[in-house]
Amino acid sequence: MLSLAKKTVLIVLLLFSANSFFGQVKFTNFPDSAKTGIVLNCIEIDGHIVPHVFIREIIILPPRTFKNKREKERYTRLAHHVRKVYPYSQIIKYMLLDIAKEMETLPNERSKNVYVKRKEKELKKEFEGQLRQLTFTQGRILIKLINRETGETTFDIVRDLKGSLSAFFWQSVAVIFNSSLKYEYDANGDDKLIEEIVVRIENGQL
């Protein structure tokens, strides 16, 4: 049997709330006929096609110092958990974007439901074995990181796809185990240390 945290993470990977990720800007690519140079994404603004490149903000952090051995051990343990689940948060973010784009091309709700069910089956086959290896702590951290990356809580994702009844049921089960599907990421508060670790991971420091 999967633990609650593992079940929750599996739900997040398999259930999608694609409508939340539809933007108003039309994305396209340069013509395939281009034979030289670098192919970039571009956007259409007032009828004009202009290059559109995302440049990640780089935050330079000094080496971390510790007051004592116990503090270092706690930090190292937390860093291990974050490094374990951070890649999943990135996978989920880009999957949602890709699925949102695909959903835009589908003509009706029936075809969208068929598409989502097919993706669920594919993702379960690919990720279920890996998720069985996650701990409760890692599952909770991943739930928060999903909120960091997508702006949506697990509760919102389940509700948008499966409805309020299903979302409230899973939330009730989570509360029994002193957990929550409504965890929100607080980079400047409770999750400040996790945020520091994520930044170090993104900078290649961890």
N, C-alpha and C. Protein backbone atom coordinates (compact mmCIF):
# COMPACT_ATOMS: atom_id res chain seq x y z
N MET A 1 0.84 -1.19 0.00
CA MET A 1 0.00 0.00 0.00
C MET A 1 0.88 1.25 0.00
N LEU A 2 0.48 2.25 -0.80
CA LEU A 2 1.21 3.52 -0.80
C LEU A 2 0.79 4.33 0.41
N SER A 3 1.74 5.06 1.02
CA SER A 3 1.41 5.96 2.11
C SER A 3 0.62 7.13 1.55
N LEU A 4 -0.01 7.92 2.43
CA LEU A 4 -0.80 9.06 2.00
C LEU A 4 0.04 10.04 1.19
N ALA A 5 1.24 10.34 1.68
CA ALA A 5 2.10 11.30 0.97
C ALA A 5 2.41 10.81 -0.44
N LYS A 6 2.70 9.52 -0.56
CA LYS A 6 3.03 8.97 -1.87
C LYS A 6 1.81 8.97 -2.78
N LYS A 7 0.64 8.64 -2.22
CA LYS A 7 -0.58 8.68 -3.01
C LYS A 7 -0.85 10.09 -3.51
N THR A 8 -0.64 11.05 -2.62
CA THR A 8 -0.89 12.45 -2.98
C THR A 8 0.01 12.89 -4.12
N VAL A 9 1.29 12.54 -4.04
CA VAL A 9 2.23 12.90 -5.11
C VAL A 9 1.83 12.23 -6.41
N LEU A 10 1.40 10.98 -6.34
CA LEU A 10 0.97 10.27 -7.54
C LEU A 10 -0.24 10.94 -8.16
N ILE A 11 -1.17 11.39 -7.33
CA ILE A 11 -2.34 12.10 -7.82
C ILE A 11 -1.92 13.36 -8.57
N VAL A 12 -0.97 14.09 -7.99
CA VAL A 12 -0.50 15.33 -8.62
C VAL A 12 0.11 15.05 -9.98
N LEU A 13 0.86 13.99 -10.09
CA LEU A 13 1.49 13.65 -11.36
C LEU A 13 0.48 13.19 -12.40
N LEU A 14 -0.60 12.57 -11.95
CA LEU A 14 -1.54 11.98 -12.88
C LEU A 14 -2.72 12.89 -13.22
N LEU A 15 -3.04 13.83 -12.32
CA LEU A 15 -4.19 14.70 -12.55
C LEU A 15 -3.72 16.08 -12.97
N PHE A 16 -4.41 16.68 -13.92
CA PHE A 16 -3.95 17.95 -14.46
C PHE A 16 -5.08 18.97 -14.49
N SER A 17 -4.72 20.21 -14.21
CA SER A 17 -5.64 21.33 -14.30
C SER A 17 -5.13 22.26 -15.38
N ALA A 18 -5.22 21.82 -16.62
CA ALA A 18 -4.54 22.51 -17.72
C ALA A 18 -5.12 23.89 -17.99
N ASN A 19 -6.41 24.08 -17.76
CA ASN A 19 -7.00 25.37 -18.10
C ASN A 19 -6.36 26.53 -17.37
N SER A 20 -5.80 26.29 -16.20
CA SER A 20 -5.18 27.35 -15.42
C SER A 20 -3.92 27.88 -16.06
N PHE A 21 -3.38 27.15 -17.02
CA PHE A 21 -2.09 27.52 -17.59
C PHE A 21 -2.21 28.10 -18.99
N PHE A 22 -3.43 28.38 -19.44
CA PHE A 22 -3.59 28.98 -20.76
C PHE A 22 -3.30 30.47 -20.65
N GLY A 23 -2.42 30.98 -21.49
CA GLY A 23 -2.08 32.40 -21.47
C GLY A 23 -2.77 33.14 -22.60
N GLN A 24 -2.66 34.44 -22.57
CA GLN A 24 -3.26 35.27 -23.59
C GLN A 24 -2.29 35.57 -24.72
N VAL A 25 -1.00 35.27 -24.51
CA VAL A 25 0.00 35.56 -25.53
C VAL A 25 0.13 34.37 -26.47
N LYS A 26 0.17 34.65 -27.75
CA LYS A 26 0.28 33.59 -28.75
C LYS A 26 1.74 33.26 -29.00
N PHE A 27 2.14 32.01 -28.71
CA PHE A 27 3.51 31.57 -28.92
C PHE A 27 3.63 30.87 -30.27
N THR A 28 4.75 31.05 -30.92
CA THR A 28 5.01 30.39 -32.18
C THR A 28 6.50 30.20 -32.33
N ASN A 29 6.96 29.71 -33.46
CA ASN A 29 8.37 29.50 -33.72
C ASN A 29 8.75 30.16 -35.04
N PHE A 30 10.02 30.38 -35.22
CA PHE A 30 10.46 30.88 -36.49
C PHE A 30 10.23 29.81 -37.56
N PRO A 31 10.08 30.22 -38.83
CA PRO A 31 9.80 29.24 -39.91
C PRO A 31 10.82 28.13 -39.97
N ASP A 32 10.32 26.91 -40.33
CA ASP A 32 11.21 25.76 -40.46
C ASP A 32 12.21 25.94 -41.59
N SER A 33 11.93 26.90 -42.49
CA SER A 33 12.79 27.11 -43.65
C SER A 33 14.14 27.74 -43.27
N ALA A 34 14.23 28.23 -42.02
CA ALA A 34 15.48 28.84 -41.60
C ALA A 34 16.58 27.78 -41.60
N LYS A 35 17.66 28.05 -42.29
CA LYS A 35 18.72 27.07 -42.45
C LYS A 35 19.92 27.34 -41.55
N THR A 36 20.04 28.57 -41.08
CA THR A 36 21.19 28.91 -40.25
C THR A 36 20.73 29.65 -39.01
N GLY A 37 21.66 29.84 -38.07
CA GLY A 37 21.34 30.59 -36.86
C GLY A 37 20.73 29.71 -35.79
N ILE A 38 20.15 30.36 -34.77
CA ILE A 38 19.56 29.67 -33.62
C ILE A 38 18.05 29.81 -33.69
N VAL A 39 17.33 28.70 -33.49
CA VAL A 39 15.88 28.72 -33.50
C VAL A 39 15.39 29.13 -32.12
N LEU A 40 14.58 30.18 -32.05
CA LEU A 40 14.09 30.71 -30.78
C LEU A 40 12.57 30.74 -30.78
N ASN A 41 11.99 30.69 -29.57
CA ASN A 41 10.57 30.98 -29.45
C ASN A 41 10.36 32.45 -29.74
N CYS A 42 9.16 32.79 -30.17
CA CYS A 42 8.86 34.19 -30.39
C CYS A 42 7.40 34.43 -30.06
N ILE A 43 7.01 35.67 -29.90
CA ILE A 43 5.63 36.02 -29.59
C ILE A 43 5.14 37.05 -30.59
N GLU A 44 3.83 37.10 -30.72
CA GLU A 44 3.21 38.06 -31.63
C GLU A 44 2.67 39.23 -30.83
N ILE A 45 3.18 40.42 -31.11
CA ILE A 45 2.74 41.64 -30.43
C ILE A 45 2.29 42.64 -31.48
N ASP A 46 1.01 42.98 -31.44
CA ASP A 46 0.46 43.95 -32.40
C ASP A 46 0.78 43.57 -33.85
N GLY A 47 0.72 42.28 -34.15
CA GLY A 47 0.95 41.84 -35.51
C GLY A 47 2.40 41.63 -35.89
N HIS A 48 3.31 41.90 -34.95
CA HIS A 48 4.73 41.75 -35.24
C HIS A 48 5.28 40.54 -34.47
N ILE A 49 6.13 39.75 -35.15
CA ILE A 49 6.76 38.59 -34.52
C ILE A 49 8.12 39.02 -33.98
N VAL A 50 8.30 38.87 -32.67
CA VAL A 50 9.57 39.26 -32.05
C VAL A 50 10.11 38.10 -31.23
N PRO A 51 11.43 37.97 -31.13
CA PRO A 51 12.02 36.89 -30.31
C PRO A 51 11.59 37.02 -28.85
N HIS A 52 11.40 35.88 -28.22
CA HIS A 52 10.97 35.87 -26.82
C HIS A 52 11.79 34.82 -26.07
N VAL A 53 12.71 35.27 -25.24
CA VAL A 53 13.62 34.37 -24.55
C VAL A 53 13.51 34.60 -23.04
N PHE A 54 13.30 33.52 -22.29
CA PHE A 54 13.25 33.60 -20.84
C PHE A 54 14.67 33.50 -20.28
N ILE A 55 15.05 34.45 -19.46
CA ILE A 55 16.36 34.43 -18.82
C ILE A 55 16.16 34.29 -17.32
N ARG A 56 16.65 33.21 -16.78
CA ARG A 56 16.45 32.94 -15.36
C ARG A 56 17.26 33.90 -14.49
N GLU A 57 16.61 34.39 -13.45
CA GLU A 57 17.29 35.25 -12.49
C GLU A 57 18.34 34.43 -11.73
N ILE A 58 19.52 34.98 -11.59
CA ILE A 58 20.59 34.29 -10.87
C ILE A 58 20.81 34.99 -9.53
N ILE A 59 20.66 34.24 -8.45
CA ILE A 59 20.89 34.77 -7.10
C ILE A 59 22.14 34.12 -6.55
N ILE A 60 23.13 34.94 -6.24
CA ILE A 60 24.39 34.42 -5.72
C ILE A 60 24.34 34.33 -4.20
N LEU A 61 24.52 33.13 -3.68
CA LEU A 61 24.49 32.92 -2.23
C LEU A 61 25.89 32.57 -1.74
N PRO A 62 26.29 33.12 -0.62
CA PRO A 62 27.60 32.76 -0.05
C PRO A 62 27.55 31.36 0.54
N PRO A 63 28.69 30.74 0.76
CA PRO A 63 28.70 29.41 1.40
C PRO A 63 27.99 29.47 2.75
N ARG A 64 27.20 28.46 3.05
CA ARG A 64 26.44 28.45 4.30
C ARG A 64 27.34 28.02 5.46
N THR A 65 27.20 28.71 6.57
CA THR A 65 27.93 28.36 7.80
C THR A 65 26.93 27.83 8.82
N PHE A 66 27.39 27.00 9.73
CA PHE A 66 26.51 26.37 10.71
C PHE A 66 26.99 26.67 12.12
N LYS A 67 26.03 26.81 13.04
CA LYS A 67 26.35 27.09 14.43
C LYS A 67 26.96 25.87 15.12
N ASN A 68 26.47 24.71 14.73
CA ASN A 68 26.95 23.49 15.37
C ASN A 68 26.70 22.29 14.44
N LYS A 69 27.15 21.14 14.89
CA LYS A 69 27.04 19.92 14.10
C LYS A 69 25.59 19.53 13.87
N ARG A 70 24.75 19.72 14.89
CA ARG A 70 23.34 19.34 14.77
C ARG A 70 22.64 20.16 13.68
N GLU A 71 22.94 21.45 13.64
CA GLU A 71 22.33 22.30 12.62
C GLU A 71 22.77 21.88 11.22
N LYS A 72 24.03 21.51 11.10
CA LYS A 72 24.55 21.06 9.80
C LYS A 72 23.88 19.77 9.36
N GLU A 73 23.67 18.86 10.30
CA GLU A 73 23.03 17.59 9.97
C GLU A 73 21.58 17.80 9.53
N ARG A 74 20.87 18.70 10.20
CA ARG A 74 19.49 18.98 9.83
C ARG A 74 19.41 19.59 8.44
N TYR A 75 20.33 20.50 8.15
CA TYR A 75 20.36 21.15 6.83
C TYR A 75 20.70 20.12 5.75
N THR A 76 21.67 19.29 6.02
CA THR A 76 22.08 18.27 5.05
C THR A 76 20.94 17.30 4.76
N ARG A 77 20.20 16.94 5.81
CA ARG A 77 19.06 16.02 5.65
C ARG A 77 17.96 16.68 4.81
N LEU A 78 17.67 17.95 5.09
CA LEU A 78 16.66 18.66 4.33
C LEU A 78 17.09 18.82 2.87
N ALA A 79 18.36 19.14 2.66
CA ALA A 79 18.88 19.29 1.30
C ALA A 79 18.74 17.99 0.51
N HIS A 80 18.96 16.87 1.19
CA HIS A 80 18.79 15.56 0.54
C HIS A 80 17.36 15.37 0.07
N HIS A 81 16.40 15.71 0.94
CA HIS A 81 14.99 15.55 0.58
C HIS A 81 14.61 16.45 -0.60
N VAL A 82 15.05 17.71 -0.55
CA VAL A 82 14.71 18.66 -1.60
C VAL A 82 15.32 18.23 -2.93
N ARG A 83 16.58 17.80 -2.90
CA ARG A 83 17.23 17.35 -4.13
C ARG A 83 16.52 16.13 -4.72
N LYS A 84 15.94 15.31 -3.87
CA LYS A 84 15.24 14.11 -4.32
C LYS A 84 13.99 14.45 -5.12
N VAL A 85 13.24 15.46 -4.66
CA VAL A 85 11.93 15.73 -5.26
C VAL A 85 11.92 16.94 -6.19
N TYR A 86 12.94 17.78 -6.14
CA TYR A 86 12.96 18.97 -7.00
C TYR A 86 12.79 18.62 -8.48
N PRO A 87 13.47 17.59 -9.00
CA PRO A 87 13.28 17.26 -10.42
C PRO A 87 11.83 16.94 -10.78
N TYR A 88 11.07 16.32 -9.85
CA TYR A 88 9.68 16.02 -10.11
C TYR A 88 8.86 17.31 -10.27
N SER A 89 9.17 18.32 -9.46
CA SER A 89 8.44 19.59 -9.57
C SER A 89 8.67 20.23 -10.93
N GLN A 90 9.87 20.07 -11.48
CA GLN A 90 10.15 20.61 -12.80
C GLN A 90 9.44 19.81 -13.89
N ILE A 91 9.41 18.50 -13.73
CA ILE A 91 8.70 17.65 -14.68
C ILE A 91 7.23 18.03 -14.73
N ILE A 92 6.63 18.20 -13.55
CA ILE A 92 5.21 18.54 -13.47
C ILE A 92 4.95 19.89 -14.13
N LYS A 93 5.80 20.87 -13.86
CA LYS A 93 5.61 22.21 -14.43
C LYS A 93 5.59 22.15 -15.96
N TYR A 94 6.56 21.49 -16.55
CA TYR A 94 6.64 21.45 -18.01
C TYR A 94 5.59 20.53 -18.63
N MET A 95 5.21 19.49 -17.90
CA MET A 95 4.12 18.64 -18.39
C MET A 95 2.82 19.43 -18.48
N LEU A 96 2.55 20.22 -17.46
CA LEU A 96 1.33 21.02 -17.46
C LEU A 96 1.31 22.00 -18.62
N LEU A 97 2.45 22.61 -18.89
CA LEU A 97 2.53 23.55 -20.02
C LEU A 97 2.30 22.83 -21.34
N ASP A 98 2.94 21.67 -21.51
CA ASP A 98 2.79 20.91 -22.75
C ASP A 98 1.35 20.42 -22.92
N ILE A 99 0.76 19.95 -21.83
CA ILE A 99 -0.61 19.44 -21.91
C ILE A 99 -1.58 20.57 -22.20
N ALA A 100 -1.33 21.74 -21.61
CA ALA A 100 -2.20 22.89 -21.87
C ALA A 100 -2.18 23.25 -23.35
N LYS A 101 -1.00 23.24 -23.95
CA LYS A 101 -0.90 23.54 -25.39
C LYS A 101 -1.64 22.50 -26.22
N GLU A 102 -1.51 21.23 -25.84
CA GLU A 102 -2.19 20.17 -26.59
C GLU A 102 -3.70 20.27 -26.43
N MET A 103 -4.15 20.61 -25.22
CA MET A 103 -5.59 20.71 -24.96
C MET A 103 -6.23 21.81 -25.80
N GLU A 104 -5.46 22.85 -26.09
CA GLU A 104 -5.97 23.95 -26.91
C GLU A 104 -6.35 23.48 -28.31
N THR A 105 -5.71 22.42 -28.78
CA THR A 105 -5.94 21.94 -30.15
C THR A 105 -7.09 20.94 -30.24
N LEU A 106 -7.59 20.47 -29.09
CA LEU A 106 -8.64 19.45 -29.09
C LEU A 106 -10.01 20.11 -29.22
N PRO A 107 -10.91 19.51 -30.01
CA PRO A 107 -12.16 20.19 -30.37
C PRO A 107 -13.26 20.20 -29.32
N ASN A 108 -13.27 19.22 -28.41
CA ASN A 108 -14.37 19.15 -27.45
C ASN A 108 -13.93 18.48 -26.16
N GLU A 109 -14.86 18.46 -25.16
CA GLU A 109 -14.55 17.91 -23.84
C GLU A 109 -14.28 16.41 -23.90
N ARG A 110 -14.98 15.71 -24.77
CA ARG A 110 -14.78 14.26 -24.86
C ARG A 110 -13.35 13.95 -25.30
N SER A 111 -12.86 14.63 -26.32
CA SER A 111 -11.51 14.37 -26.80
C SER A 111 -10.47 14.78 -25.76
N LYS A 112 -10.78 15.82 -24.97
CA LYS A 112 -9.87 16.24 -23.91
C LYS A 112 -9.81 15.19 -22.81
N ASN A 113 -10.97 14.63 -22.46
CA ASN A 113 -11.01 13.59 -21.42
C ASN A 113 -10.24 12.35 -21.85
N VAL A 114 -10.39 11.97 -23.12
CA VAL A 114 -9.67 10.81 -23.65
C VAL A 114 -8.17 11.07 -23.59
N TYR A 115 -7.77 12.28 -23.96
CA TYR A 115 -6.35 12.64 -23.95
C TYR A 115 -5.77 12.58 -22.54
N VAL A 116 -6.50 13.15 -21.57
CA VAL A 116 -6.03 13.16 -20.18
C VAL A 116 -5.91 11.75 -19.64
N LYS A 117 -6.89 10.89 -19.93
CA LYS A 117 -6.83 9.50 -19.45
C LYS A 117 -5.63 8.77 -20.04
N ARG A 118 -5.33 9.05 -21.30
CA ARG A 118 -4.18 8.41 -21.93
C ARG A 118 -2.88 8.88 -21.28
N LYS A 119 -2.80 10.17 -20.96
CA LYS A 119 -1.61 10.70 -20.30
C LYS A 119 -1.48 10.13 -18.89
N GLU A 120 -2.61 9.97 -18.18
CA GLU A 120 -2.58 9.38 -16.85
C GLU A 120 -1.95 7.99 -16.90
N LYS A 121 -2.37 7.19 -17.86
CA LYS A 121 -1.86 5.82 -17.99
C LYS A 121 -0.37 5.82 -18.27
N GLU A 122 0.07 6.70 -19.17
CA GLU A 122 1.48 6.79 -19.51
C GLU A 122 2.32 7.21 -18.31
N LEU A 123 1.84 8.22 -17.58
CA LEU A 123 2.59 8.75 -16.45
C LEU A 123 2.65 7.76 -15.28
N LYS A 124 1.54 7.05 -15.07
CA LYS A 124 1.53 6.04 -14.01
C LYS A 124 2.57 4.97 -14.28
N LYS A 125 2.65 4.53 -15.53
CA LYS A 125 3.62 3.51 -15.91
C LYS A 125 5.04 4.01 -15.71
N GLU A 126 5.28 5.29 -15.99
CA GLU A 126 6.63 5.84 -15.92
C GLU A 126 7.07 6.20 -14.51
N PHE A 127 6.13 6.70 -13.67
CA PHE A 127 6.54 7.29 -12.39
C PHE A 127 6.12 6.53 -11.14
N GLU A 128 5.16 5.61 -11.23
CA GLU A 128 4.66 4.98 -10.01
C GLU A 128 5.76 4.27 -9.23
N GLY A 129 6.63 3.56 -9.93
CA GLY A 129 7.71 2.85 -9.25
C GLY A 129 8.63 3.78 -8.50
N GLN A 130 8.93 4.95 -9.09
CA GLN A 130 9.81 5.92 -8.44
C GLN A 130 9.13 6.55 -7.22
N LEU A 131 7.83 6.82 -7.34
CA LEU A 131 7.12 7.47 -6.24
C LEU A 131 6.98 6.57 -5.02
N ARG A 132 6.99 5.27 -5.23
CA ARG A 132 6.91 4.35 -4.10
C ARG A 132 8.13 4.48 -3.18
N GLN A 133 9.20 5.06 -3.69
CA GLN A 133 10.43 5.19 -2.92
C GLN A 133 10.49 6.49 -2.11
N LEU A 134 9.51 7.38 -2.31
CA LEU A 134 9.51 8.65 -1.58
C LEU A 134 9.02 8.45 -0.14
N THR A 135 9.56 9.26 0.77
CA THR A 135 9.12 9.24 2.17
C THR A 135 7.99 10.25 2.36
N PHE A 136 7.37 10.23 3.55
CA PHE A 136 6.34 11.20 3.88
C PHE A 136 6.89 12.61 3.75
N THR A 137 8.06 12.85 4.31
CA THR A 137 8.66 14.18 4.27
C THR A 137 8.90 14.64 2.84
N GLN A 138 9.41 13.76 2.01
CA GLN A 138 9.68 14.11 0.62
C GLN A 138 8.38 14.41 -0.12
N GLY A 139 7.31 13.65 0.18
CA GLY A 139 6.02 13.91 -0.44
C GLY A 139 5.49 15.28 -0.08
N ARG A 140 5.61 15.67 1.18
CA ARG A 140 5.13 16.98 1.62
C ARG A 140 5.93 18.11 0.98
N ILE A 141 7.24 17.92 0.87
CA ILE A 141 8.08 18.94 0.25
C ILE A 141 7.71 19.09 -1.22
N LEU A 142 7.45 17.97 -1.90
CA LEU A 142 7.08 18.03 -3.30
C LEU A 142 5.76 18.76 -3.49
N ILE A 143 4.80 18.53 -2.61
CA ILE A 143 3.52 19.24 -2.68
C ILE A 143 3.75 20.74 -2.62
N LYS A 144 4.65 21.17 -1.76
CA LYS A 144 4.95 22.60 -1.65
C LYS A 144 5.68 23.11 -2.88
N LEU A 145 6.61 22.31 -3.40
CA LEU A 145 7.36 22.75 -4.58
C LEU A 145 6.46 22.84 -5.81
N ILE A 146 5.46 21.97 -5.88
CA ILE A 146 4.50 22.06 -6.98
C ILE A 146 3.78 23.40 -6.93
N ASN A 147 3.40 23.82 -5.73
CA ASN A 147 2.78 25.12 -5.57
C ASN A 147 3.74 26.24 -5.96
N ARG A 148 5.01 26.07 -5.63
CA ARG A 148 6.03 27.07 -6.00
C ARG A 148 6.14 27.20 -7.52
N GLU A 149 6.12 26.08 -8.21
CA GLU A 149 6.37 26.08 -9.65
C GLU A 149 5.13 26.39 -10.48
N THR A 150 3.94 26.04 -9.99
CA THR A 150 2.73 26.19 -10.80
C THR A 150 1.77 27.26 -10.29
N GLY A 151 1.92 27.63 -9.01
CA GLY A 151 0.97 28.58 -8.44
C GLY A 151 -0.33 27.93 -8.01
N GLU A 152 -0.43 26.61 -8.15
CA GLU A 152 -1.64 25.86 -7.79
C GLU A 152 -1.33 24.91 -6.64
N THR A 153 -2.27 24.78 -5.69
CA THR A 153 -2.11 23.77 -4.66
C THR A 153 -2.58 22.42 -5.19
N THR A 154 -2.17 21.36 -4.52
CA THR A 154 -2.64 20.03 -4.90
C THR A 154 -4.16 19.95 -4.82
N PHE A 155 -4.72 20.57 -3.79
CA PHE A 155 -6.17 20.60 -3.63
C PHE A 155 -6.84 21.22 -4.84
N ASP A 156 -6.30 22.34 -5.32
CA ASP A 156 -6.88 23.02 -6.49
C ASP A 156 -6.79 22.15 -7.74
N ILE A 157 -5.66 21.47 -7.90
CA ILE A 157 -5.47 20.63 -9.08
C ILE A 157 -6.48 19.48 -9.09
N VAL A 158 -6.64 18.82 -7.95
CA VAL A 158 -7.60 17.71 -7.87
C VAL A 158 -9.03 18.23 -8.06
N ARG A 159 -9.35 19.36 -7.43
CA ARG A 159 -10.71 19.92 -7.55
C ARG A 159 -11.05 20.30 -8.99
N ASP A 160 -10.10 20.95 -9.66
CA ASP A 160 -10.37 21.41 -11.02
C ASP A 160 -10.61 20.26 -11.99
N LEU A 161 -9.94 19.13 -11.75
CA LEU A 161 -10.10 18.01 -12.68
C LEU A 161 -11.17 17.02 -12.24
N LYS A 162 -11.17 16.69 -10.95
CA LYS A 162 -12.06 15.64 -10.45
C LYS A 162 -13.29 16.17 -9.72
N GLY A 163 -13.30 17.47 -9.44
CA GLY A 163 -14.46 18.04 -8.76
C GLY A 163 -14.21 18.25 -7.27
N SER A 164 -15.09 19.05 -6.67
CA SER A 164 -14.93 19.43 -5.27
C SER A 164 -15.06 18.26 -4.31
N LEU A 165 -15.99 17.34 -4.61
CA LEU A 165 -16.22 16.21 -3.71
C LEU A 165 -14.96 15.37 -3.57
N SER A 166 -14.31 15.07 -4.67
CA SER A 166 -13.07 14.29 -4.64
C SER A 166 -11.97 15.04 -3.90
N ALA A 167 -11.88 16.33 -4.14
CA ALA A 167 -10.85 17.14 -3.48
C ALA A 167 -11.06 17.18 -1.97
N PHE A 168 -12.29 17.38 -1.55
CA PHE A 168 -12.57 17.43 -0.11
C PHE A 168 -12.36 16.06 0.55
N PHE A 169 -12.65 14.98 -0.17
CA PHE A 169 -12.41 13.64 0.37
C PHE A 169 -10.93 13.44 0.65
N TRP A 170 -10.08 13.73 -0.36
CA TRP A 170 -8.65 13.53 -0.18
C TRP A 170 -8.09 14.47 0.88
N GLN A 171 -8.64 15.68 0.97
CA GLN A 171 -8.18 16.60 2.00
C GLN A 171 -8.54 16.08 3.39
N SER A 172 -9.71 15.48 3.53
CA SER A 172 -10.12 14.92 4.83
C SER A 172 -9.19 13.79 5.25
N VAL A 173 -8.81 12.95 4.29
CA VAL A 173 -7.88 11.86 4.58
C VAL A 173 -6.52 12.43 4.98
N ALA A 174 -6.09 13.47 4.29
CA ALA A 174 -4.79 14.07 4.58
C ALA A 174 -4.76 14.63 6.00
N VAL A 175 -5.84 15.28 6.42
CA VAL A 175 -5.90 15.87 7.76
C VAL A 175 -5.76 14.80 8.83
N ILE A 176 -6.34 13.63 8.61
CA ILE A 176 -6.23 12.53 9.57
C ILE A 176 -4.77 12.18 9.82
N PHE A 177 -3.95 12.29 8.77
CA PHE A 177 -2.53 11.96 8.87
C PHE A 177 -1.67 13.20 9.10
N ASN A 178 -2.32 14.26 9.64
CA ASN A 178 -1.60 15.48 9.97
C ASN A 178 -0.89 16.07 8.74
N SER A 179 -1.57 16.02 7.61
CA SER A 179 -1.03 16.56 6.37
C SER A 179 -2.10 17.42 5.72
N SER A 180 -1.83 17.93 4.54
CA SER A 180 -2.80 18.78 3.86
C SER A 180 -2.49 18.86 2.37
N LEU A 181 -3.56 18.85 1.57
CA LEU A 181 -3.41 19.06 0.13
C LEU A 181 -3.37 20.55 -0.19
N LYS A 182 -3.59 21.37 0.82
CA LYS A 182 -3.64 22.82 0.61
C LYS A 182 -2.34 23.51 0.99
N TYR A 183 -1.28 22.74 1.19
CA TYR A 183 0.01 23.35 1.50
C TYR A 183 0.38 24.40 0.46
N GLU A 184 0.76 25.57 0.94
CA GLU A 184 1.24 26.63 0.06
C GLU A 184 2.71 26.92 0.38
N TYR A 185 3.42 27.30 -0.63
CA TYR A 185 4.86 27.55 -0.49
C TYR A 185 5.08 28.96 0.01
N ASP A 186 5.84 29.09 1.09
CA ASP A 186 6.13 30.40 1.68
C ASP A 186 7.64 30.61 1.68
N ALA A 187 8.13 31.18 0.58
CA ALA A 187 9.58 31.31 0.39
C ALA A 187 10.24 32.23 1.41
N ASN A 188 9.46 33.15 1.98
CA ASN A 188 10.03 34.10 2.94
C ASN A 188 9.67 33.77 4.38
N GLY A 189 8.99 32.63 4.58
CA GLY A 189 8.58 32.25 5.92
C GLY A 189 8.98 30.84 6.27
N ASP A 190 7.98 29.96 6.41
CA ASP A 190 8.24 28.59 6.84
C ASP A 190 9.15 27.82 5.88
N ASP A 191 9.12 28.20 4.60
CA ASP A 191 9.90 27.45 3.61
C ASP A 191 11.15 28.21 3.16
N LYS A 192 11.59 29.13 3.97
CA LYS A 192 12.76 29.95 3.61
C LYS A 192 14.00 29.09 3.38
N LEU A 193 14.18 28.09 4.21
CA LEU A 193 15.36 27.22 4.07
C LEU A 193 15.26 26.35 2.82
N ILE A 194 14.05 25.87 2.53
CA ILE A 194 13.85 25.10 1.31
C ILE A 194 14.14 25.97 0.09
N GLU A 195 13.70 27.22 0.14
CA GLU A 195 13.95 28.15 -0.97
C GLU A 195 15.45 28.34 -1.18
N GLU A 196 16.19 28.48 -0.10
CA GLU A 196 17.64 28.63 -0.22
C GLU A 196 18.26 27.40 -0.90
N ILE A 197 17.80 26.22 -0.48
CA ILE A 197 18.33 24.99 -1.06
C ILE A 197 17.98 24.90 -2.55
N VAL A 198 16.75 25.27 -2.91
CA VAL A 198 16.34 25.24 -4.32
C VAL A 198 17.22 26.18 -5.14
N VAL A 199 17.45 27.37 -4.63
CA VAL A 199 18.30 28.34 -5.33
C VAL A 199 19.70 27.78 -5.53
N ARG A 200 20.23 27.13 -4.51
CA ARG A 200 21.58 26.53 -4.63
C ARG A 200 21.57 25.39 -5.65
N ILE A 201 20.49 24.63 -5.70
CA ILE A 201 20.38 23.57 -6.70
C ILE A 201 20.37 24.17 -8.10
N GLU A 202 19.58 25.20 -8.29
CA GLU A 202 19.47 25.84 -9.60
C GLU A 202 20.77 26.51 -10.02
N ASN A 203 21.56 26.94 -9.04
CA ASN A 203 22.85 27.56 -9.33
C ASN A 203 23.98 26.55 -9.48
N GLY A 204 23.66 25.27 -9.26
CA GLY A 204 24.69 24.25 -9.35
C GLY A 204 25.57 24.17 -8.13
N GLN A 205 25.13 24.75 -7.00
CA GLN A 205 25.92 24.72 -5.76
C GLN A 205 25.65 23.46 -4.94
N LEU A 206 24.54 22.78 -5.25
CA LEU A 206 24.19 21.55 -4.55
C LEU A 206 23.88 20.46 -5.57
